Amino acid sequence: MKIKIFQLLTILTLIGCGNKTQPQNLEKRNIEYYFEEVGKMEIQELIKRGILKDSLTVAEKYKNNGKNELNDDGFGKYAELKADVYMKFFKDYLYQEHVEYGNSVYVLYFTVAGFDDTEWDVIKWTKDEWTKNKSYRLNRKEIKNNKSVTKIFWNYDEGPKNLENIRLFVKNDYLVLERGNLYHSLYDLKKEEVVLNEESPWHTSDGEGKEEMNKWIKENLHDKIEIIINGKRE
């Protein structure tokens, strides 16, 4: 397979790295930010391993017939490198946003499941523990070892992606996860229990395409959640 360098750079967008230290106040981050970080890491590794001479130029050894595009050998090495970078970068949960309720903080994290599936996890922290440990990254082992941290629900996209307008919000004492302008998950904050959530909407909807999947989500999740959060609580 051949890939031109400008095509590669379209994928590997060069954006400056964010602050790696633990900030006092976390800013909301979208998933594009994290993929841009991965892109920068890939470019750096391509240069480090001699596949690129600089961010715009393929090394002579890996040029396809003298053109500024990767030959088969270069693309193969890039594929291996990309897998290594993904495994390293997405080994943790990555912060997107959080909301507070009572003495708890509910945090929305993003990561990649496998190589292409996108995953969201909502983690409950005690407010004191969150204040001491808030960070843009959460080690997955922390959930097992820290009694002040609890995963309350998660879901992922293994087919078509609902990556737009992702947010976590509270209404009528319910916690709602919205993706792609559709409500995916509902958690009762008073009863501390999951009311509605589907871990893999693509699989449950039989995977007939994004339109059909989102139709299923709207009928089986979004519409039901909308009625509940707008209704009168008992």
C-alpha atoms as a PDB file:
ATOM      1  CA  MET A   1       0.000   0.000   0.000  1.00  0.00           C
ATOM      2  CA  LYS A   2       1.282   3.487  -0.880  1.00  0.00           C
ATOM      3  CA  ILE A   3       0.582   6.640   1.046  1.00  0.00           C
ATOM      4  CA  LYS A   4       1.608  10.159   0.061  1.00  0.00           C
ATOM      5  CA  ILE A   5       3.260  12.285   2.703  1.00  0.00           C
ATOM      6  CA  PHE A   6       0.550  14.971   2.550  1.00  0.00           C
ATOM      7  CA  GLN A   7      -2.038  12.239   3.139  1.00  0.00           C
ATOM      8  CA  LEU A   8      -0.067  11.084   6.147  1.00  0.00           C
ATOM      9  CA  LEU A   9       0.087  14.608   7.505  1.00  0.00           C
ATOM     10  CA  THR A  10      -3.653  14.984   7.073  1.00  0.00           C
ATOM     11  CA  ILE A  11      -4.031  12.123   9.518  1.00  0.00           C
ATOM     12  CA  LEU A  12      -1.186  13.212  11.779  1.00  0.00           C
ATOM     13  CA  THR A  13      -2.209  16.807  12.459  1.00  0.00           C
ATOM     14  CA  LEU A  14       0.576  18.821  14.044  1.00  0.00           C
ATOM     15  CA  ILE A  15      -0.809  20.567  17.088  1.00  0.00           C
ATOM     16  CA  GLY A  16       1.208  21.695  20.117  1.00  0.00           C
ATOM     17  CA  CYS A  17       1.113  19.453  23.177  1.00  0.00           C
ATOM     18  CA  GLY A  18      -0.955  20.492  26.158  1.00  0.00           C
ATOM     19  CA  ASN A  19       0.348  20.937  29.671  1.00  0.00           C
ATOM     20  CA  LYS A  20       1.397  17.554  31.030  1.00  0.00           C
ATOM     21  CA  THR A  21       1.453  18.645  34.675  1.00  0.00           C
ATOM     22  CA  GLN A  22      -1.551  18.228  36.931  1.00  0.00           C
ATOM     23  CA  PRO A  23      -3.599  21.442  36.613  1.00  0.00           C
ATOM     24  CA  GLN A  24      -5.692  23.017  39.352  1.00  0.00           C
ATOM     25  CA  ASN A  25      -8.678  23.386  37.040  1.00  0.00           C
ATOM     26  CA  LEU A  26      -9.234  20.931  34.221  1.00  0.00           C
ATOM     27  CA  GLU A  27     -10.527  22.327  30.952  1.00  0.00           C
ATOM     28  CA  LYS A  28     -12.989  20.314  28.903  1.00  0.00           C
ATOM     29  CA  ARG A  29     -11.257  18.370  26.134  1.00  0.00           C
ATOM     30  CA  ASN A  30     -12.773  16.877  22.998  1.00  0.00           C
ATOM     31  CA  ILE A  31     -11.529  13.662  21.474  1.00  0.00           C
ATOM     32  CA  GLU A  32      -9.992  15.512  18.526  1.00  0.00           C
ATOM     33  CA  TYR A  33      -7.453  16.951  20.970  1.00  0.00           C
ATOM     34  CA  TYR A  34      -6.267  13.472  21.928  1.00  0.00           C
ATOM     35  CA  PHE A  35      -6.053  12.218  18.336  1.00  0.00           C
ATOM     36  CA  GLU A  36      -4.002  15.298  17.502  1.00  0.00           C
ATOM     37  CA  GLU A  37      -1.652  14.417  20.362  1.00  0.00           C
ATOM     38  CA  VAL A  38      -1.329  10.900  18.956  1.00  0.00           C
ATOM     39  CA  GLY A  39      -0.582  12.388  15.535  1.00  0.00           C
ATOM     40  CA  LYS A  40       2.258  14.461  16.911  1.00  0.00           C
ATOM     41  CA  MET A  41       3.722  11.425  18.679  1.00  0.00           C
ATOM     42  CA  GLU A  42       3.585   9.455  15.419  1.00  0.00           C
ATOM     43  CA  ILE A  43       5.416  12.186  13.509  1.00  0.00           C
ATOM     44  CA  GLN A  44       8.104  12.331  16.184  1.00  0.00           C
ATOM     45  CA  GLU A  45       8.568   8.548  16.052  1.00  0.00           C
ATOM     46  CA  LEU A  46       8.695   8.535  12.237  1.00  0.00           C
ATOM     47  CA  ILE A  47      11.522  11.043  12.360  1.00  0.00           C
ATOM     48  CA  LYS A  48      13.268   9.264  15.241  1.00  0.00           C
ATOM     49  CA  ARG A  49      13.235   5.949  13.351  1.00  0.00           C
ATOM     50  CA  GLY A  50      14.478   7.525  10.150  1.00  0.00           C
ATOM     51  CA  ILE A  51      11.319   6.977   8.114  1.00  0.00           C
ATOM     52  CA  LEU A  52      10.890  10.737   7.731  1.00  0.00           C
ATOM     53  CA  LYS A  53      13.771  13.216   7.417  1.00  0.00           C
ATOM     54  CA  ASP A  54      11.545  15.943   8.855  1.00  0.00           C
ATOM     55  CA  SER A  55       7.825  16.514   9.233  1.00  0.00           C
ATOM     56  CA  LEU A  56       7.418  17.044   5.462  1.00  0.00           C
ATOM     57  CA  THR A  57       9.972  14.757   3.820  1.00  0.00           C
ATOM     58  CA  VAL A  58      10.143  10.969   3.432  1.00  0.00           C
ATOM     59  CA  ALA A  59      13.622   9.496   3.823  1.00  0.00           C
ATOM     60  CA  GLU A  60      15.156   8.303   0.522  1.00  0.00           C
ATOM     61  CA  LYS A  61      15.131   4.665   1.617  1.00  0.00           C
ATOM     62  CA  TYR A  62      11.368   4.728   2.090  1.00  0.00           C
ATOM     63  CA  LYS A  63      10.340   6.768  -0.948  1.00  0.00           C
ATOM     64  CA  ASN A  64       8.121   5.167  -3.569  1.00  0.00           C
ATOM     65  CA  ASN A  65       9.914   5.512  -6.928  1.00  0.00           C
ATOM     66  CA  GLY A  66      11.585   8.715  -5.809  1.00  0.00           C
ATOM     67  CA  LYS A  67       8.288  10.397  -4.912  1.00  0.00           C
ATOM     68  CA  ASN A  68       7.625  11.971  -1.532  1.00  0.00           C
ATOM     69  CA  GLU A  69       5.358   9.114  -0.452  1.00  0.00           C
ATOM     70  CA  LEU A  70       5.921   5.961   1.564  1.00  0.00           C
ATOM     71  CA  ASN A  71       6.759   2.719  -0.225  1.00  0.00           C
ATOM     72  CA  ASP A  72       5.492  -0.653   0.999  1.00  0.00           C
ATOM     73  CA  ASP A  73       8.372  -1.076   3.455  1.00  0.00           C
ATOM     74  CA  GLY A  74       7.878   2.407   4.859  1.00  0.00           C
ATOM     75  CA  PHE A  75       4.142   1.990   5.207  1.00  0.00           C
ATOM     76  CA  GLY A  76       4.627  -1.363   6.957  1.00  0.00           C
ATOM     77  CA  LYS A  77       6.960   0.240   9.474  1.00  0.00           C
ATOM     78  CA  TYR A  78       4.515   3.098   9.938  1.00  0.00           C
ATOM     79  CA  ALA A  79       1.686   0.634  10.665  1.00  0.00           C
ATOM     80  CA  GLU A  80       3.815  -1.059  13.360  1.00  0.00           C
ATOM     81  CA  LEU A  81       4.796   2.288  14.814  1.00  0.00           C
ATOM     82  CA  LYS A  82       1.190   3.482  14.866  1.00  0.00           C
ATOM     83  CA  ALA A  83       0.126   0.407  16.824  1.00  0.00           C
ATOM     84  CA  ASP A  84       2.890   0.996  19.373  1.00  0.00           C
ATOM     85  CA  VAL A  85       1.922   4.646  19.828  1.00  0.00           C
ATOM     86  CA  TYR A  86      -1.775   3.782  20.226  1.00  0.00           C
ATOM     87  CA  MET A  87      -1.052   1.130  22.851  1.00  0.00           C
ATOM     88  CA  LYS A  88       1.091   3.546  24.830  1.00  0.00           C
ATOM     89  CA  PHE A  89      -1.161   6.596  24.548  1.00  0.00           C
ATOM     90  CA  PHE A  90      -4.514   4.918  25.190  1.00  0.00           C
ATOM     91  CA  LYS A  91      -3.391   2.704  28.060  1.00  0.00           C
ATOM     92  CA  ASP A  92      -5.095   5.193  30.409  1.00  0.00           C
ATOM     93  CA  TYR A  93      -8.510   6.810  30.587  1.00  0.00           C
ATOM     94  CA  LEU A  94      -8.389  10.364  29.181  1.00  0.00           C
ATOM     95  CA  TYR A  95     -10.364  13.207  30.757  1.00  0.00           C
ATOM     96  CA  GLN A  96     -13.101  14.984  28.822  1.00  0.00           C
ATOM     97  CA  GLU A  97     -15.222  16.736  31.455  1.00  0.00           C
ATOM     98  CA  HIS A  98     -16.818  16.360  34.900  1.00  0.00           C
ATOM     99  CA  VAL A  99     -19.882  17.396  36.897  1.00  0.00           C
ATOM    100  CA  GLU A 100     -20.368  17.649  40.654  1.00  0.00           C
ATOM    101  CA  TYR A 101     -23.357  16.351  42.598  1.00  0.00           C
ATOM    102  CA  GLY A 102     -23.465  16.409  46.378  1.00  0.00           C
ATOM    103  CA  ASN A 103     -20.211  15.005  47.731  1.00  0.00           C
ATOM    104  CA  SER A 104     -19.417  13.187  44.491  1.00  0.00           C
ATOM    105  CA  VAL A 105     -17.784  14.092  41.205  1.00  0.00           C
ATOM    106  CA  TYR A 106     -18.723  12.257  38.001  1.00  0.00           C
ATOM    107  CA  VAL A 107     -15.990  12.267  35.376  1.00  0.00           C
ATOM    108  CA  LEU A 108     -16.319  11.412  31.692  1.00  0.00           C
ATOM    109  CA  TYR A 109     -13.255   9.668  30.280  1.00  0.00           C
ATOM    110  CA  PHE A 110     -12.433   8.646  26.726  1.00  0.00           C
ATOM    111  CA  THR A 111     -10.149   5.937  25.413  1.00  0.00           C
ATOM    112  CA  VAL A 112      -9.726   3.561  22.486  1.00  0.00           C
ATOM    113  CA  ALA A 113     -10.837  -0.047  22.864  1.00  0.00           C
ATOM    114  CA  GLY A 114      -8.805  -2.312  20.624  1.00  0.00           C
ATOM    115  CA  PHE A 115      -7.471  -0.311  17.690  1.00  0.00           C
ATOM    116  CA  ASP A 116     -10.446   1.531  16.258  1.00  0.00           C
ATOM    117  CA  ASP A 117     -13.333   1.261  18.731  1.00  0.00           C
ATOM    118  CA  THR A 118     -14.006   4.406  20.753  1.00  0.00           C
ATOM    119  CA  GLU A 119     -14.960   4.010  24.413  1.00  0.00           C
ATOM    120  CA  TRP A 120     -16.423   6.275  27.087  1.00  0.00           C
ATOM    121  CA  ASP A 121     -16.363   5.572  30.815  1.00  0.00           C
ATOM    122  CA  VAL A 122     -18.111   7.523  33.562  1.00  0.00           C
ATOM    123  CA  ILE A 123     -16.244   7.302  36.848  1.00  0.00           C
ATOM    124  CA  LYS A 124     -17.529   8.395  40.242  1.00  0.00           C
ATOM    125  CA  TRP A 125     -15.058  10.012  42.653  1.00  0.00           C
ATOM    126  CA  THR A 126     -15.522  11.303  46.176  1.00  0.00           C
ATOM    127  CA  LYS A 127     -15.079  15.077  46.056  1.00  0.00           C
ATOM    128  CA  ASP A 128     -12.077  14.998  48.403  1.00  0.00           C
ATOM    129  CA  GLU A 129     -10.316  12.309  46.390  1.00  0.00           C
ATOM    130  CA  TRP A 130     -10.994  14.132  43.120  1.00  0.00           C
ATOM    131  CA  THR A 131      -9.609  17.393  44.525  1.00  0.00           C
ATOM    132  CA  LYS A 132      -6.381  15.626  45.516  1.00  0.00           C
ATOM    133  CA  ASN A 133      -5.905  13.541  42.385  1.00  0.00           C
ATOM    134  CA  LYS A 134      -7.625  15.245  39.446  1.00  0.00           C
ATOM    135  CA  SER A 135      -5.642  14.796  36.262  1.00  0.00           C
ATOM    136  CA  TYR A 136      -6.120  14.494  32.517  1.00  0.00           C
ATOM    137  CA  ARG A 137      -5.208  10.805  32.824  1.00  0.00           C
ATOM    138  CA  LEU A 138      -6.515   7.996  35.007  1.00  0.00           C
ATOM    139  CA  ASN A 139      -4.613   4.735  35.252  1.00  0.00           C
ATOM    140  CA  ARG A 140      -7.048   1.863  34.729  1.00  0.00           C
ATOM    141  CA  LYS A 141      -5.646   0.037  37.754  1.00  0.00           C
ATOM    142  CA  GLU A 142      -6.755   2.962  39.919  1.00  0.00           C
ATOM    143  CA  ILE A 143     -10.361   1.868  39.564  1.00  0.00           C
ATOM    144  CA  LYS A 144      -9.560  -1.530  41.094  1.00  0.00           C
ATOM    145  CA  ASN A 145      -7.217  -0.284  43.816  1.00  0.00           C
ATOM    146  CA  ASN A 146      -8.859   2.961  44.971  1.00  0.00           C
ATOM    147  CA  LYS A 147     -12.093   2.518  46.920  1.00  0.00           C
ATOM    148  CA  SER A 148     -12.931   6.200  46.372  1.00  0.00           C
ATOM    149  CA  VAL A 149     -13.195   5.619  42.617  1.00  0.00           C
ATOM    150  CA  THR A 150     -16.040   3.643  40.989  1.00  0.00           C
ATOM    151  CA  LYS A 151     -16.961   3.003  37.363  1.00  0.00           C
ATOM    152  CA  ILE A 152     -20.730   3.471  37.120  1.00  0.00           C
ATOM    153  CA  PHE A 153     -21.270   2.791  33.395  1.00  0.00           C
ATOM    154  CA  TRP A 154     -19.549   2.718  30.032  1.00  0.00           C
ATOM    155  CA  ASN A 155     -20.322   2.303  26.340  1.00  0.00           C
ATOM    156  CA  TYR A 156     -18.438   2.215  23.073  1.00  0.00           C
ATOM    157  CA  ASP A 157     -18.758   2.438  19.306  1.00  0.00           C
ATOM    158  CA  GLU A 158     -17.401  -0.536  17.414  1.00  0.00           C
ATOM    159  CA  GLY A 159     -18.914   0.485  14.079  1.00  0.00           C
ATOM    160  CA  PRO A 160     -20.132   3.960  13.035  1.00  0.00           C
ATOM    161  CA  LYS A 161     -19.075   6.633  15.523  1.00  0.00           C
ATOM    162  CA  ASN A 162     -21.159   9.184  17.415  1.00  0.00           C
ATOM    163  CA  LEU A 163     -18.266  11.511  18.183  1.00  0.00           C
ATOM    164  CA  GLU A 164     -19.945  14.916  17.941  1.00  0.00           C
ATOM    165  CA  ASN A 165     -21.231  17.107  20.779  1.00  0.00           C
ATOM    166  CA  ILE A 166     -20.208  14.772  23.568  1.00  0.00           C
ATOM    167  CA  ARG A 167     -21.252  15.942  27.014  1.00  0.00           C
ATOM    168  CA  LEU A 168     -22.155  14.844  30.511  1.00  0.00           C
ATOM    169  CA  PHE A 169     -24.863  16.790  32.343  1.00  0.00           C
ATOM    170  CA  VAL A 170     -27.266  16.662  35.285  1.00  0.00           C
ATOM    171  CA  LYS A 171     -31.008  17.268  35.019  1.00  0.00           C
ATOM    172  CA  ASN A 172     -33.729  16.495  37.534  1.00  0.00           C
ATOM    173  CA  ASP A 173     -31.220  14.563  39.690  1.00  0.00           C
ATOM    174  CA  TYR A 174     -30.271  12.341  36.757  1.00  0.00           C
ATOM    175  CA  LEU A 175     -26.870  12.082  35.091  1.00  0.00           C
ATOM    176  CA  VAL A 176     -27.017  11.915  31.285  1.00  0.00           C
ATOM    177  CA  LEU A 177     -24.346  11.035  28.718  1.00  0.00           C
ATOM    178  CA  GLU A 178     -25.014  12.504  25.294  1.00  0.00           C
ATOM    179  CA  ARG A 179     -23.109  11.697  22.089  1.00  0.00           C
ATOM    180  CA  GLY A 180     -23.948  12.639  18.523  1.00  0.00           C
ATOM    181  CA  ASN A 181     -26.942  14.674  19.784  1.00  0.00           C
ATOM    182  CA  LEU A 182     -28.486  11.500  21.191  1.00  0.00           C
ATOM    183  CA  TYR A 183     -28.834  10.505  24.841  1.00  0.00           C
ATOM    184  CA  HIS A 184     -26.973   7.222  25.361  1.00  0.00           C
ATOM    185  CA  SER A 185     -26.990   6.696  29.140  1.00  0.00           C
ATOM    186  CA  LEU A 186     -29.048   7.599  32.200  1.00  0.00           C
ATOM    187  CA  TYR A 187     -27.979   7.289  35.840  1.00  0.00           C
ATOM    188  CA  ASP A 188     -30.220   8.047  38.820  1.00  0.00           C
ATOM    189  CA  LEU A 189     -28.122  10.176  41.186  1.00  0.00           C
ATOM    190  CA  LYS A 190     -30.562   9.841  44.087  1.00  0.00           C
ATOM    191  CA  LYS A 191     -30.876   6.061  43.924  1.00  0.00           C
ATOM    192  CA  GLU A 192     -27.277   5.631  42.678  1.00  0.00           C
ATOM    193  CA  GLU A 193     -28.230   3.184  39.963  1.00  0.00           C
ATOM    194  CA  VAL A 194     -28.071   2.907  36.178  1.00  0.00           C
ATOM    195  CA  VAL A 195     -31.498   3.370  34.607  1.00  0.00           C
ATOM    196  CA  LEU A 196     -30.646   3.059  30.891  1.00  0.00           C
ATOM    197  CA  ASN A 197     -27.381   2.257  29.148  1.00  0.00           C
ATOM    198  CA  GLU A 198     -26.315   0.102  26.209  1.00  0.00           C
ATOM    199  CA  GLU A 199     -22.637  -0.833  26.140  1.00  0.00           C
ATOM    200  CA  SER A 200     -22.559  -1.475  22.376  1.00  0.00           C
ATOM    201  CA  PRO A 201     -25.428   0.164  20.462  1.00  0.00           C
ATOM    202  CA  TRP A 202     -23.930  -0.932  17.126  1.00  0.00           C
ATOM    203  CA  HIS A 203     -24.034  -4.580  18.149  1.00  0.00           C
ATOM    204  CA  THR A 204     -27.469  -4.422  19.760  1.00  0.00           C
ATOM    205  CA  SER A 205     -28.988  -2.635  16.760  1.00  0.00           C
ATOM    206  CA  ASP A 206     -27.624  -5.393  14.463  1.00  0.00           C
ATOM    207  CA  GLY A 207     -25.095  -3.048  12.812  1.00  0.00           C
ATOM    208  CA  GLU A 208     -26.982  -2.172   9.630  1.00  0.00           C
ATOM    209  CA  GLY A 209     -25.402   1.292   9.290  1.00  0.00           C
ATOM    210  CA  LYS A 210     -25.204   4.542  11.235  1.00  0.00           C
ATOM    211  CA  GLU A 211     -28.691   5.673  10.248  1.00  0.00           C
ATOM    212  CA  GLU A 212     -30.252   2.459  11.491  1.00  0.00           C
ATOM    213  CA  MET A 213     -28.077   2.407  14.612  1.00  0.00           C
ATOM    214  CA  ASN A 214     -29.044   5.969  15.535  1.00  0.00           C
ATOM    215  CA  LYS A 215     -32.697   5.214  14.858  1.00  0.00           C
ATOM    216  CA  TRP A 216     -32.404   2.375  17.379  1.00  0.00           C
ATOM    217  CA  ILE A 217     -30.627   4.642  19.882  1.00  0.00           C
ATOM    218  CA  LYS A 218     -33.301   7.323  19.540  1.00  0.00           C
ATOM    219  CA  GLU A 219     -36.188   4.899  20.024  1.00  0.00           C
ATOM    220  CA  ASN A 220     -34.661   2.737  22.748  1.00  0.00           C
ATOM    221  CA  LEU A 221     -32.472   5.171  24.669  1.00  0.00           C
ATOM    222  CA  HIS A 222     -32.809   8.864  23.760  1.00  0.00           C
ATOM    223  CA  ASP A 223     -36.608   9.159  23.715  1.00  0.00           C
ATOM    224  CA  LYS A 224     -37.010   7.156  26.917  1.00  0.00           C
ATOM    225  CA  ILE A 225     -34.323   9.181  28.695  1.00  0.00           C
ATOM    226  CA  GLU A 226     -35.901  12.449  27.545  1.00  0.00           C
ATOM    227  CA  ILE A 227     -39.258  11.470  29.048  1.00  0.00           C
ATOM    228  CA  ILE A 228     -37.681  10.498  32.351  1.00  0.00           C
ATOM    229  CA  ILE A 229     -35.497  13.596  32.855  1.00  0.00           C
ATOM    230  CA  ASN A 230     -38.380  15.918  31.937  1.00  0.00           C
ATOM    231  CA  GLY A 231     -40.893  14.108  34.114  1.00  0.00           C
ATOM    232  CA  LYS A 232     -41.851  14.507  37.753  1.00  0.00           C
ATOM    233  CA  ARG A 233     -39.721  12.604  40.236  1.00  0.00           C
ATOM    234  CA  GLU A 234     -41.351  10.384  42.798  1.00  0.00           C
END
